[in-house]
Amino acid sequence: MTKLSVNINKFATLRNSRGGNNPDVVKAAVDAQLFGADGVTVHPRPDERHIRYSDVHEISKIITTEFNIEGNPMEQKFVDLVLAVRPTQVTLVPDALGQITSNHGWDTVANRDYLIRIVGTFQAAGIRTSLFVDPVISMVEGASATGTDRIELYTEAYAHQYSAGREAAIAPYRAAAVRARQLGLGLNAGHDLDLQNLRYFAAGIPGLEEVSIGHALICDALYLGYENTVQLYKRQLAGN
């Protein structure tokens, strides 16, 4: 079954809005695992407006499942953090400074030489690498040429088009997934997946290994409760 990694950035956003340590992001990571998540994801940014670099070190001490750190490797501070923590997986995202949220994948063709070097750096440290990419065949093929272990399909377009026609929305993702499998790439996905669109996506994408979900899951948790919400998302992945 496709694994669920819970992105806990929004817990840190709430904490930072008031200072102090409420809610406790380390406890949020502990509880995600206790409630059935298969992993924990964090995405520290240079301005530390939500997850702080110190949080990442503390969370790494309590991980019993998988730890996924997302971020832009063009920031040396991020590279140093990942190499120090050595998570299960690093997901490389081409975020610009000050960007509110991720909104595009890598141009794996234009950035091929750089990505080969940085992927190799993390793999040499025993860290599984994943590249954030749009559902475009040439970008999937470009990712394969870098030597990355996996790709993460950027699913915002699918989520936005889902209500207008889910088959048309998923079609480019299915094609990208098929090509990824042909090339021997592992397959993750994330961004704007929620309780309405997740089941159809998981059922329709061959070889989907992991989804990383934060914003929608935490929004649902405000109404439904954290433990219940994690289980509801797991059920969508199971097709129940």
C-alpha atoms as a PDB file:
ATOM      1  CA  MET A   1       0.000   0.000   0.000  1.00  0.00           C
ATOM      2  CA  THR A   2       1.100   3.572  -0.665  1.00  0.00           C
ATOM      3  CA  LYS A   3       2.759   5.077   2.401  1.00  0.00           C
ATOM      4  CA  LEU A   4       1.535   8.260   4.089  1.00  0.00           C
ATOM      5  CA  SER A   5       4.143  10.773   5.247  1.00  0.00           C
ATOM      6  CA  VAL A   6       2.636  13.595   7.320  1.00  0.00           C
ATOM      7  CA  ASN A   7       4.124  17.026   6.724  1.00  0.00           C
ATOM      8  CA  ILE A   8       4.078  18.821  10.089  1.00  0.00           C
ATOM      9  CA  ASN A   9       5.109  22.301   8.896  1.00  0.00           C
ATOM     10  CA  LYS A  10       1.734  23.792   9.805  1.00  0.00           C
ATOM     11  CA  PHE A  11       2.217  22.878  13.471  1.00  0.00           C
ATOM     12  CA  ALA A  12       5.354  25.018  13.409  1.00  0.00           C
ATOM     13  CA  THR A  13       3.527  27.868  11.643  1.00  0.00           C
ATOM     14  CA  LEU A  14       0.977  27.967  14.464  1.00  0.00           C
ATOM     15  CA  ARG A  15       3.661  27.761  17.142  1.00  0.00           C
ATOM     16  CA  ASN A  16       5.694  30.543  15.592  1.00  0.00           C
ATOM     17  CA  SER A  17       2.690  32.869  15.428  1.00  0.00           C
ATOM     18  CA  ARG A  18       2.736  33.191  19.232  1.00  0.00           C
ATOM     19  CA  GLY A  19       6.242  32.170  20.238  1.00  0.00           C
ATOM     20  CA  GLY A  20       6.905  29.572  22.903  1.00  0.00           C
ATOM     21  CA  ASN A  21       6.444  25.889  22.169  1.00  0.00           C
ATOM     22  CA  ASN A  22       2.714  25.419  21.755  1.00  0.00           C
ATOM     23  CA  PRO A  23       1.976  23.337  19.772  1.00  0.00           C
ATOM     24  CA  ASP A  24       5.067  21.218  20.249  1.00  0.00           C
ATOM     25  CA  VAL A  25       6.272  20.155  16.806  1.00  0.00           C
ATOM     26  CA  VAL A  26       8.337  17.284  18.179  1.00  0.00           C
ATOM     27  CA  LYS A  27       5.203  15.890  19.834  1.00  0.00           C
ATOM     28  CA  ALA A  28       3.370  16.384  16.534  1.00  0.00           C
ATOM     29  CA  ALA A  29       5.969  14.154  14.880  1.00  0.00           C
ATOM     30  CA  VAL A  30       5.753  11.557  17.649  1.00  0.00           C
ATOM     31  CA  ASP A  31       1.973  11.507  17.473  1.00  0.00           C
ATOM     32  CA  ALA A  32       1.840  11.269  13.672  1.00  0.00           C
ATOM     33  CA  GLN A  33       3.751   8.008  13.966  1.00  0.00           C
ATOM     34  CA  LEU A  34       1.668   6.759  16.900  1.00  0.00           C
ATOM     35  CA  PHE A  35      -1.509   7.499  14.959  1.00  0.00           C
ATOM     36  CA  GLY A  36      -0.426   5.353  12.015  1.00  0.00           C
ATOM     37  CA  ALA A  37       1.562   7.563   9.636  1.00  0.00           C
ATOM     38  CA  ASP A  38       4.356   5.773   7.811  1.00  0.00           C
ATOM     39  CA  GLY A  39       6.667   8.763   7.989  1.00  0.00           C
ATOM     40  CA  VAL A  40       7.152  12.412   8.893  1.00  0.00           C
ATOM     41  CA  THR A  41       8.016  15.182   6.432  1.00  0.00           C
ATOM     42  CA  VAL A  42       9.449  18.630   7.164  1.00  0.00           C
ATOM     43  CA  HIS A  43      10.335  21.436   4.773  1.00  0.00           C
ATOM     44  CA  PRO A  44      12.643  23.954   6.450  1.00  0.00           C
ATOM     45  CA  ARG A  45      13.103  27.200   4.549  1.00  0.00           C
ATOM     46  CA  PRO A  46      15.952  29.691   4.896  1.00  0.00           C
ATOM     47  CA  ASP A  47      13.806  32.206   6.814  1.00  0.00           C
ATOM     48  CA  GLU A  48      12.609  29.437   9.219  1.00  0.00           C
ATOM     49  CA  ARG A  49       9.088  30.839   9.072  1.00  0.00           C
ATOM     50  CA  HIS A  50       7.689  27.469  10.092  1.00  0.00           C
ATOM     51  CA  ILE A  51       9.989  24.472  10.706  1.00  0.00           C
ATOM     52  CA  ARG A  52      13.288  25.649  12.183  1.00  0.00           C
ATOM     53  CA  TYR A  53      16.605  23.972  11.567  1.00  0.00           C
ATOM     54  CA  SER A  54      16.788  23.216  15.289  1.00  0.00           C
ATOM     55  CA  ASP A  55      13.403  21.450  15.014  1.00  0.00           C
ATOM     56  CA  VAL A  56      14.786  19.128  12.367  1.00  0.00           C
ATOM     57  CA  HIS A  57      17.599  18.009  14.661  1.00  0.00           C
ATOM     58  CA  GLU A  58      15.178  17.388  17.531  1.00  0.00           C
ATOM     59  CA  ILE A  59      12.650  15.539  15.381  1.00  0.00           C
ATOM     60  CA  SER A  60      15.361  13.291  13.972  1.00  0.00           C
ATOM     61  CA  LYS A  61      15.959  11.921  17.474  1.00  0.00           C
ATOM     62  CA  ILE A  62      12.415  10.520  17.826  1.00  0.00           C
ATOM     63  CA  ILE A  63      11.761   9.129  14.344  1.00  0.00           C
ATOM     64  CA  THR A  64      10.761   5.470  14.395  1.00  0.00           C
ATOM     65  CA  THR A  65       9.351   5.334  10.846  1.00  0.00           C
ATOM     66  CA  GLU A  66      10.741   7.332   7.899  1.00  0.00           C
ATOM     67  CA  PHE A  67      12.044  10.892   7.961  1.00  0.00           C
ATOM     68  CA  ASN A  68      11.748  12.979   4.791  1.00  0.00           C
ATOM     69  CA  ILE A  69      13.361  16.423   4.582  1.00  0.00           C
ATOM     70  CA  GLU A  70      12.280  18.654   1.706  1.00  0.00           C
ATOM     71  CA  GLY A  71      14.070  21.757   0.517  1.00  0.00           C
ATOM     72  CA  ASN A  72      16.184  23.605  -2.010  1.00  0.00           C
ATOM     73  CA  PRO A  73      19.716  22.193  -2.110  1.00  0.00           C
ATOM     74  CA  MET A  74      21.045  25.394  -3.652  1.00  0.00           C
ATOM     75  CA  GLU A  75      21.052  26.694  -0.078  1.00  0.00           C
ATOM     76  CA  GLN A  76      24.261  25.359   1.482  1.00  0.00           C
ATOM     77  CA  LYS A  77      22.658  25.575   4.918  1.00  0.00           C
ATOM     78  CA  PHE A  78      20.068  23.059   3.774  1.00  0.00           C
ATOM     79  CA  VAL A  79      22.695  20.699   2.380  1.00  0.00           C
ATOM     80  CA  ASP A  80      24.666  20.856   5.627  1.00  0.00           C
ATOM     81  CA  LEU A  81      21.505  20.139   7.641  1.00  0.00           C
ATOM     82  CA  VAL A  82      20.581  17.070   5.607  1.00  0.00           C
ATOM     83  CA  LEU A  83      24.093  15.658   5.746  1.00  0.00           C
ATOM     84  CA  ALA A  84      24.187  16.178   9.508  1.00  0.00           C
ATOM     85  CA  VAL A  85      20.772  14.605  10.167  1.00  0.00           C
ATOM     86  CA  ARG A  86      20.927  11.866   7.509  1.00  0.00           C
ATOM     87  CA  PRO A  87      17.182  11.303   7.063  1.00  0.00           C
ATOM     88  CA  THR A  88      15.700   8.346   5.249  1.00  0.00           C
ATOM     89  CA  GLN A  89      14.968  10.547   2.257  1.00  0.00           C
ATOM     90  CA  VAL A  90      15.721  14.033   0.983  1.00  0.00           C
ATOM     91  CA  THR A  91      13.269  15.555  -1.487  1.00  0.00           C
ATOM     92  CA  LEU A  92      14.900  18.272  -3.566  1.00  0.00           C
ATOM     93  CA  VAL A  93      12.548  21.144  -4.416  1.00  0.00           C
ATOM     94  CA  PRO A  94      13.426  24.212  -6.552  1.00  0.00           C
ATOM     95  CA  ASP A  95      11.897  26.797  -4.202  1.00  0.00           C
ATOM     96  CA  ALA A  96      12.810  30.444  -4.547  1.00  0.00           C
ATOM     97  CA  LEU A  97      13.674  32.521  -1.476  1.00  0.00           C
ATOM     98  CA  GLY A  98      10.493  33.765   0.205  1.00  0.00           C
ATOM     99  CA  GLN A  99       8.239  31.478  -1.816  1.00  0.00           C
ATOM    100  CA  ILE A 100       5.001  30.790   0.079  1.00  0.00           C
ATOM    101  CA  THR A 101       4.745  27.196  -1.067  1.00  0.00           C
ATOM    102  CA  SER A 102       6.219  24.946  -3.735  1.00  0.00           C
ATOM    103  CA  ASN A 103       4.689  25.707  -7.135  1.00  0.00           C
ATOM    104  CA  HIS A 104       6.780  23.952  -9.776  1.00  0.00           C
ATOM    105  CA  GLY A 105       9.088  21.036 -10.310  1.00  0.00           C
ATOM    106  CA  TRP A 106      12.693  20.968 -11.462  1.00  0.00           C
ATOM    107  CA  ASP A 107      13.706  21.546 -15.037  1.00  0.00           C
ATOM    108  CA  THR A 108      15.716  18.369 -14.907  1.00  0.00           C
ATOM    109  CA  VAL A 109      17.152  18.929 -18.383  1.00  0.00           C
ATOM    110  CA  ALA A 110      18.484  22.458 -17.853  1.00  0.00           C
ATOM    111  CA  ASN A 111      19.758  21.583 -14.363  1.00  0.00           C
ATOM    112  CA  ARG A 112      21.080  18.127 -15.240  1.00  0.00           C
ATOM    113  CA  ASP A 113      24.737  18.653 -14.333  1.00  0.00           C
ATOM    114  CA  TYR A 114      23.936  20.369 -11.035  1.00  0.00           C
ATOM    115  CA  LEU A 115      21.405  17.706 -10.070  1.00  0.00           C
ATOM    116  CA  ILE A 116      23.841  14.897 -10.852  1.00  0.00           C
ATOM    117  CA  ARG A 117      26.319  16.448  -8.432  1.00  0.00           C
ATOM    118  CA  ILE A 118      23.888  17.132  -5.594  1.00  0.00           C
ATOM    119  CA  VAL A 119      22.078  13.808  -5.913  1.00  0.00           C
ATOM    120  CA  GLY A 120      25.458  12.099  -5.740  1.00  0.00           C
ATOM    121  CA  THR A 121      26.374  14.083  -2.631  1.00  0.00           C
ATOM    122  CA  PHE A 122      23.343  12.851  -0.720  1.00  0.00           C
ATOM    123  CA  GLN A 123      23.502   9.293  -2.019  1.00  0.00           C
ATOM    124  CA  ALA A 124      27.132   9.055  -0.947  1.00  0.00           C
ATOM    125  CA  ALA A 125      25.893   9.741   2.594  1.00  0.00           C
ATOM    126  CA  GLY A 126      23.383   6.888   2.336  1.00  0.00           C
ATOM    127  CA  ILE A 127      20.345   9.150   1.889  1.00  0.00           C
ATOM    128  CA  ARG A 128      17.619   8.217  -0.601  1.00  0.00           C
ATOM    129  CA  THR A 129      17.022  11.098  -3.006  1.00  0.00           C
ATOM    130  CA  SER A 130      13.818  12.262  -4.669  1.00  0.00           C
ATOM    131  CA  LEU A 131      13.367  15.086  -7.186  1.00  0.00           C
ATOM    132  CA  PHE A 132      10.212  17.211  -7.243  1.00  0.00           C
ATOM    133  CA  VAL A 133       8.987  17.198 -10.863  1.00  0.00           C
ATOM    134  CA  ASP A 134       5.979  18.152 -12.953  1.00  0.00           C
ATOM    135  CA  PRO A 135       4.117  15.335 -14.743  1.00  0.00           C
ATOM    136  CA  VAL A 136       6.013  15.838 -17.997  1.00  0.00           C
ATOM    137  CA  ILE A 137       7.691  12.890 -19.686  1.00  0.00           C
ATOM    138  CA  SER A 138      10.843  14.825 -20.613  1.00  0.00           C
ATOM    139  CA  MET A 139      11.237  15.965 -16.990  1.00  0.00           C
ATOM    140  CA  VAL A 140      10.846  12.383 -15.751  1.00  0.00           C
ATOM    141  CA  GLU A 141      13.449  11.208 -18.241  1.00  0.00           C
ATOM    142  CA  GLY A 142      15.720  14.084 -17.219  1.00  0.00           C
ATOM    143  CA  ALA A 143      15.341  13.074 -13.587  1.00  0.00           C
ATOM    144  CA  SER A 144      16.368   9.534 -14.431  1.00  0.00           C
ATOM    145  CA  ALA A 145      19.532  10.870 -16.055  1.00  0.00           C
ATOM    146  CA  THR A 146      20.589  12.461 -12.750  1.00  0.00           C
ATOM    147  CA  GLY A 147      20.743   9.105 -10.960  1.00  0.00           C
ATOM    148  CA  THR A 148      18.042  10.013  -8.437  1.00  0.00           C
ATOM    149  CA  ASP A 149      16.319   7.169  -6.593  1.00  0.00           C
ATOM    150  CA  ARG A 150      12.805   8.584  -6.864  1.00  0.00           C
ATOM    151  CA  ILE A 151      10.741  11.443  -8.178  1.00  0.00           C
ATOM    152  CA  GLU A 152       7.881  13.216  -6.436  1.00  0.00           C
ATOM    153  CA  LEU A 153       5.121  14.252  -8.812  1.00  0.00           C
ATOM    154  CA  TYR A 154       3.856  17.776  -8.109  1.00  0.00           C
ATOM    155  CA  THR A 155       0.090  17.246  -7.856  1.00  0.00           C
ATOM    156  CA  GLU A 156      -1.364  20.766  -7.599  1.00  0.00           C
ATOM    157  CA  ALA A 157      -2.641  20.692 -11.197  1.00  0.00           C
ATOM    158  CA  TYR A 158      -4.382  17.364 -10.553  1.00  0.00           C
ATOM    159  CA  ALA A 159      -6.030  18.698  -7.413  1.00  0.00           C
ATOM    160  CA  HIS A 160      -7.235  21.889  -9.103  1.00  0.00           C
ATOM    161  CA  GLN A 161      -8.629  20.072 -12.138  1.00  0.00           C
ATOM    162  CA  TYR A 162     -10.140  17.134 -10.247  1.00  0.00           C
ATOM    163  CA  SER A 163     -13.652  18.533  -9.861  1.00  0.00           C
ATOM    164  CA  ALA A 164     -13.852  19.470 -13.554  1.00  0.00           C
ATOM    165  CA  GLY A 165     -12.919  15.989 -14.723  1.00  0.00           C
ATOM    166  CA  ARG A 166     -10.835  13.583 -12.732  1.00  0.00           C
ATOM    167  CA  GLU A 167      -9.809  11.322 -15.628  1.00  0.00           C
ATOM    168  CA  ALA A 168      -8.405  14.227 -17.614  1.00  0.00           C
ATOM    169  CA  ALA A 169      -6.749  15.532 -14.456  1.00  0.00           C
ATOM    170  CA  ILE A 170      -4.943  12.295 -13.690  1.00  0.00           C
ATOM    171  CA  ALA A 171      -3.968  11.358 -17.260  1.00  0.00           C
ATOM    172  CA  PRO A 172      -0.586  13.168 -17.403  1.00  0.00           C
ATOM    173  CA  TYR A 173       0.311  11.802 -13.977  1.00  0.00           C
ATOM    174  CA  ARG A 174      -0.456   8.258 -15.027  1.00  0.00           C
ATOM    175  CA  ALA A 175       1.678   8.657 -18.139  1.00  0.00           C
ATOM    176  CA  ALA A 176       4.530  10.120 -16.081  1.00  0.00           C
ATOM    177  CA  ALA A 177       4.248   7.279 -13.587  1.00  0.00           C
ATOM    178  CA  VAL A 178       4.374   4.630 -16.302  1.00  0.00           C
ATOM    179  CA  ARG A 179       7.502   6.208 -17.759  1.00  0.00           C
ATOM    180  CA  ALA A 180       9.081   6.476 -14.303  1.00  0.00           C
ATOM    181  CA  ARG A 181       8.534   2.776 -13.731  1.00  0.00           C
ATOM    182  CA  GLN A 182      10.027   1.942 -17.121  1.00  0.00           C
ATOM    183  CA  LEU A 183      13.116   3.903 -16.094  1.00  0.00           C
ATOM    184  CA  GLY A 184      13.360   2.193 -12.701  1.00  0.00           C
ATOM    185  CA  LEU A 185      12.488   5.277 -10.668  1.00  0.00           C
ATOM    186  CA  GLY A 186      10.636   5.107  -7.383  1.00  0.00           C
ATOM    187  CA  LEU A 187       7.496   7.241  -7.306  1.00  0.00           C
ATOM    188  CA  ASN A 188       6.182   9.681  -4.684  1.00  0.00           C
ATOM    189  CA  ALA A 189       3.579  12.430  -4.976  1.00  0.00           C
ATOM    190  CA  GLY A 190       2.388  15.454  -3.075  1.00  0.00           C
ATOM    191  CA  HIS A 191       0.780  18.896  -2.984  1.00  0.00           C
ATOM    192  CA  ASP A 192      -2.925  19.650  -2.480  1.00  0.00           C
ATOM    193  CA  LEU A 193      -3.904  15.998  -2.139  1.00  0.00           C
ATOM    194  CA  ASP A 194      -6.849  15.693   0.263  1.00  0.00           C
ATOM    195  CA  LEU A 195      -9.697  13.449   1.397  1.00  0.00           C
ATOM    196  CA  GLN A 196     -11.693  14.232  -1.757  1.00  0.00           C
ATOM    197  CA  ASN A 197      -9.078  13.488  -4.422  1.00  0.00           C
ATOM    198  CA  LEU A 198      -6.551  11.157  -2.777  1.00  0.00           C
ATOM    199  CA  ARG A 199      -8.257   7.779  -3.228  1.00  0.00           C
ATOM    200  CA  TYR A 200      -8.738   8.206  -6.974  1.00  0.00           C
ATOM    201  CA  PHE A 201      -5.139   9.346  -7.399  1.00  0.00           C
ATOM    202  CA  ALA A 202      -3.658   6.490  -5.380  1.00  0.00           C
ATOM    203  CA  ALA A 203      -5.769   3.921  -7.226  1.00  0.00           C
ATOM    204  CA  GLY A 204      -4.923   5.360 -10.634  1.00  0.00           C
ATOM    205  CA  ILE A 205      -1.155   5.817 -10.375  1.00  0.00           C
ATOM    206  CA  PRO A 206       0.828   2.606 -10.889  1.00  0.00           C
ATOM    207  CA  GLY A 207       3.686   2.032  -8.492  1.00  0.00           C
ATOM    208  CA  LEU A 208       2.914   4.977  -6.179  1.00  0.00           C
ATOM    209  CA  GLU A 209       5.117   4.406  -3.136  1.00  0.00           C
ATOM    210  CA  GLU A 210       4.487   7.440  -0.934  1.00  0.00           C
ATOM    211  CA  VAL A 211       2.412  10.587  -0.624  1.00  0.00           C
ATOM    212  CA  SER A 212       3.444  13.540   1.511  1.00  0.00           C
ATOM    213  CA  ILE A 213       0.478  15.534   2.832  1.00  0.00           C
ATOM    214  CA  GLY A 214       0.477  18.460   5.215  1.00  0.00           C
ATOM    215  CA  HIS A 215      -1.789  21.445   4.657  1.00  0.00           C
ATOM    216  CA  ALA A 216      -5.030  19.610   3.891  1.00  0.00           C
ATOM    217  CA  LEU A 217      -4.445  16.989   6.571  1.00  0.00           C
ATOM    218  CA  ILE A 218      -3.835  19.577   9.280  1.00  0.00           C
ATOM    219  CA  CYS A 219      -6.866  21.595   8.159  1.00  0.00           C
ATOM    220  CA  ASP A 220      -9.016  18.468   8.441  1.00  0.00           C
ATOM    221  CA  ALA A 221      -7.516  17.708  11.840  1.00  0.00           C
ATOM    222  CA  LEU A 222      -8.880  20.992  13.211  1.00  0.00           C
ATOM    223  CA  TYR A 223     -12.394  19.625  12.734  1.00  0.00           C
ATOM    224  CA  LEU A 224     -11.931  15.865  12.862  1.00  0.00           C
ATOM    225  CA  GLY A 225      -9.048  15.416  15.309  1.00  0.00           C
ATOM    226  CA  TYR A 226      -5.432  14.581  14.511  1.00  0.00           C
ATOM    227  CA  GLU A 227      -5.517  10.840  15.152  1.00  0.00           C
ATOM    228  CA  ASN A 228      -8.799  10.344  13.308  1.00  0.00           C
ATOM    229  CA  THR A 229      -7.590  12.381  10.338  1.00  0.00           C
ATOM    230  CA  VAL A 230      -4.365  10.401   9.933  1.00  0.00           C
ATOM    231  CA  GLN A 231      -6.457   7.223   9.890  1.00  0.00           C
ATOM    232  CA  LEU A 232      -8.906   8.694   7.371  1.00  0.00           C
ATOM    233  CA  TYR A 233      -6.063   9.483   4.985  1.00  0.00           C
ATOM    234  CA  LYS A 234      -4.639   5.990   5.445  1.00  0.00           C
ATOM    235  CA  ARG A 235      -8.035   4.551   4.524  1.00  0.00           C
ATOM    236  CA  GLN A 236      -8.108   6.576   1.312  1.00  0.00           C
ATOM    237  CA  LEU A 237      -4.755   5.068   0.333  1.00  0.00           C
ATOM    238  CA  ALA A 238      -6.063   1.598   1.145  1.00  0.00           C
ATOM    239  CA  GLY A 239      -9.219   2.179  -0.898  1.00  0.00           C
ATOM    240  CA  ASN A 240     -11.466   1.571   2.123  1.00  0.00           C
END
